């Protein structure tokens, strides 16, 4: 995950799933009780096992690409 910050990870996951679904997928209080990006970052930076779960979900999530050109476009 070179070049991807924890803040980017949490923000993108929250935008894709929402806090409620994140709390279902990873049952940690920073996602289930009054969640925010700031409180989640504080917890995840101090808690390696939770951070690993979040990073794993991020890697396993299918993301839409912003590439508007077809794969075979030669330009």
C-alpha atoms as a PDB file:
ATOM      1  CA  UNK A   1       0.000   0.000   0.000  1.00  0.00           C
ATOM      2  CA  UNK A   2       2.822   2.305  -0.932  1.00  0.00           C
ATOM      3  CA  UNK A   3       1.752   5.950  -1.034  1.00  0.00           C
ATOM      4  CA  UNK A   4      -1.662   5.338   0.543  1.00  0.00           C
ATOM      5  CA  UNK A   5      -2.093   6.928   3.959  1.00  0.00           C
ATOM      6  CA  UNK A   6      -4.236   5.519   6.748  1.00  0.00           C
ATOM      7  CA  UNK A   7      -6.427   8.602   6.463  1.00  0.00           C
ATOM      8  CA  UNK A   8      -7.002   7.850   2.771  1.00  0.00           C
ATOM      9  CA  UNK A   9      -7.862   4.238   3.615  1.00  0.00           C
ATOM     10  CA  UNK A  10     -10.412   5.131   6.303  1.00  0.00           C
ATOM     11  CA  UNK A  11     -11.944   7.918   4.222  1.00  0.00           C
ATOM     12  CA  UNK A  12     -12.353   5.776   1.105  1.00  0.00           C
ATOM     13  CA  UNK A  13     -13.776   2.843   3.068  1.00  0.00           C
ATOM     14  CA  UNK A  14     -16.267   5.124   4.817  1.00  0.00           C
ATOM     15  CA  UNK A  15     -17.310   6.656   1.491  1.00  0.00           C
ATOM     16  CA  UNK A  16     -17.803   3.219  -0.073  1.00  0.00           C
ATOM     17  CA  UNK A  17     -19.451   1.341   2.812  1.00  0.00           C
ATOM     18  CA  UNK A  18     -20.604   3.933   5.360  1.00  0.00           C
ATOM     19  CA  UNK A  19     -19.935   3.648   9.081  1.00  0.00           C
ATOM     20  CA  UNK A  20     -22.719   1.157   9.741  1.00  0.00           C
ATOM     21  CA  UNK A  21     -21.474  -1.346   7.155  1.00  0.00           C
ATOM     22  CA  UNK A  22     -17.844  -0.811   8.215  1.00  0.00           C
ATOM     23  CA  UNK A  23     -18.895  -1.652  11.776  1.00  0.00           C
ATOM     24  CA  UNK A  24     -20.521  -4.856  10.522  1.00  0.00           C
ATOM     25  CA  UNK A  25     -17.487  -5.858   8.479  1.00  0.00           C
ATOM     26  CA  UNK A  26     -14.957  -4.944  11.188  1.00  0.00           C
ATOM     27  CA  UNK A  27     -16.567  -4.878  14.622  1.00  0.00           C
ATOM     28  CA  UNK A  28     -14.496  -2.244  16.398  1.00  0.00           C
ATOM     29  CA  UNK A  29     -15.920   0.608  18.470  1.00  0.00           C
ATOM     30  CA  UNK A  30     -14.327   3.356  16.408  1.00  0.00           C
ATOM     31  CA  UNK A  31     -16.679   2.246  13.588  1.00  0.00           C
ATOM     32  CA  UNK A  32     -19.754   1.431  15.694  1.00  0.00           C
ATOM     33  CA  UNK A  33     -19.922   4.050  18.475  1.00  0.00           C
ATOM     34  CA  UNK A  34     -20.066   7.696  17.348  1.00  0.00           C
ATOM     35  CA  UNK A  35     -17.641   7.113  14.458  1.00  0.00           C
ATOM     36  CA  UNK A  36     -15.517   9.737  12.772  1.00  0.00           C
ATOM     37  CA  UNK A  37     -12.389   9.715  10.658  1.00  0.00           C
ATOM     38  CA  UNK A  38     -10.428  11.487  13.405  1.00  0.00           C
ATOM     39  CA  UNK A  39     -11.402   9.058  16.195  1.00  0.00           C
ATOM     40  CA  UNK A  40     -10.831   6.072  13.924  1.00  0.00           C
ATOM     41  CA  UNK A  41      -7.352   7.273  12.978  1.00  0.00           C
ATOM     42  CA  UNK A  42      -6.437   7.821  16.630  1.00  0.00           C
ATOM     43  CA  UNK A  43      -7.514   4.281  17.526  1.00  0.00           C
ATOM     44  CA  UNK A  44      -6.034   2.570  14.469  1.00  0.00           C
ATOM     45  CA  UNK A  45      -2.647   4.242  14.887  1.00  0.00           C
ATOM     46  CA  UNK A  46      -2.400   2.791  18.404  1.00  0.00           C
ATOM     47  CA  UNK A  47      -3.880  -0.632  17.635  1.00  0.00           C
ATOM     48  CA  UNK A  48      -1.914  -2.741  15.132  1.00  0.00           C
ATOM     49  CA  UNK A  49      -4.367  -5.672  14.964  1.00  0.00           C
ATOM     50  CA  UNK A  50      -7.271  -3.354  14.101  1.00  0.00           C
ATOM     51  CA  UNK A  51      -5.215  -1.430  11.565  1.00  0.00           C
ATOM     52  CA  UNK A  52      -4.316  -4.712   9.848  1.00  0.00           C
ATOM     53  CA  UNK A  53      -8.003  -5.634   9.555  1.00  0.00           C
ATOM     54  CA  UNK A  54      -8.787  -2.240   8.011  1.00  0.00           C
ATOM     55  CA  UNK A  55      -5.878  -2.447   5.575  1.00  0.00           C
ATOM     56  CA  UNK A  56      -6.903  -5.984   4.598  1.00  0.00           C
ATOM     57  CA  UNK A  57     -10.465  -4.849   3.873  1.00  0.00           C
ATOM     58  CA  UNK A  58      -9.085  -1.972   1.811  1.00  0.00           C
ATOM     59  CA  UNK A  59      -6.920  -4.312  -0.266  1.00  0.00           C
ATOM     60  CA  UNK A  60      -9.795  -6.766  -0.791  1.00  0.00           C
ATOM     61  CA  UNK A  61     -12.295  -4.094  -1.821  1.00  0.00           C
ATOM     62  CA  UNK A  62     -13.003  -3.655  -5.506  1.00  0.00           C
ATOM     63  CA  UNK A  63     -12.497  -0.036  -6.476  1.00  0.00           C
ATOM     64  CA  UNK A  64     -13.789   1.591  -9.617  1.00  0.00           C
ATOM     65  CA  UNK A  65     -10.962   3.000 -11.651  1.00  0.00           C
ATOM     66  CA  UNK A  66     -10.967   6.590 -12.817  1.00  0.00           C
ATOM     67  CA  UNK A  67      -9.548   5.515 -16.147  1.00  0.00           C
ATOM     68  CA  UNK A  68     -11.931   6.777 -18.842  1.00  0.00           C
ATOM     69  CA  UNK A  69      -9.968   5.274 -21.744  1.00  0.00           C
ATOM     70  CA  UNK A  70     -10.544   1.737 -22.992  1.00  0.00           C
ATOM     71  CA  UNK A  71      -7.771  -0.717 -22.111  1.00  0.00           C
ATOM     72  CA  UNK A  72      -6.822  -1.142 -25.766  1.00  0.00           C
ATOM     73  CA  UNK A  73      -6.727   2.587 -26.585  1.00  0.00           C
ATOM     74  CA  UNK A  74      -3.434   3.553 -28.217  1.00  0.00           C
ATOM     75  CA  UNK A  75      -3.706   7.373 -28.092  1.00  0.00           C
END
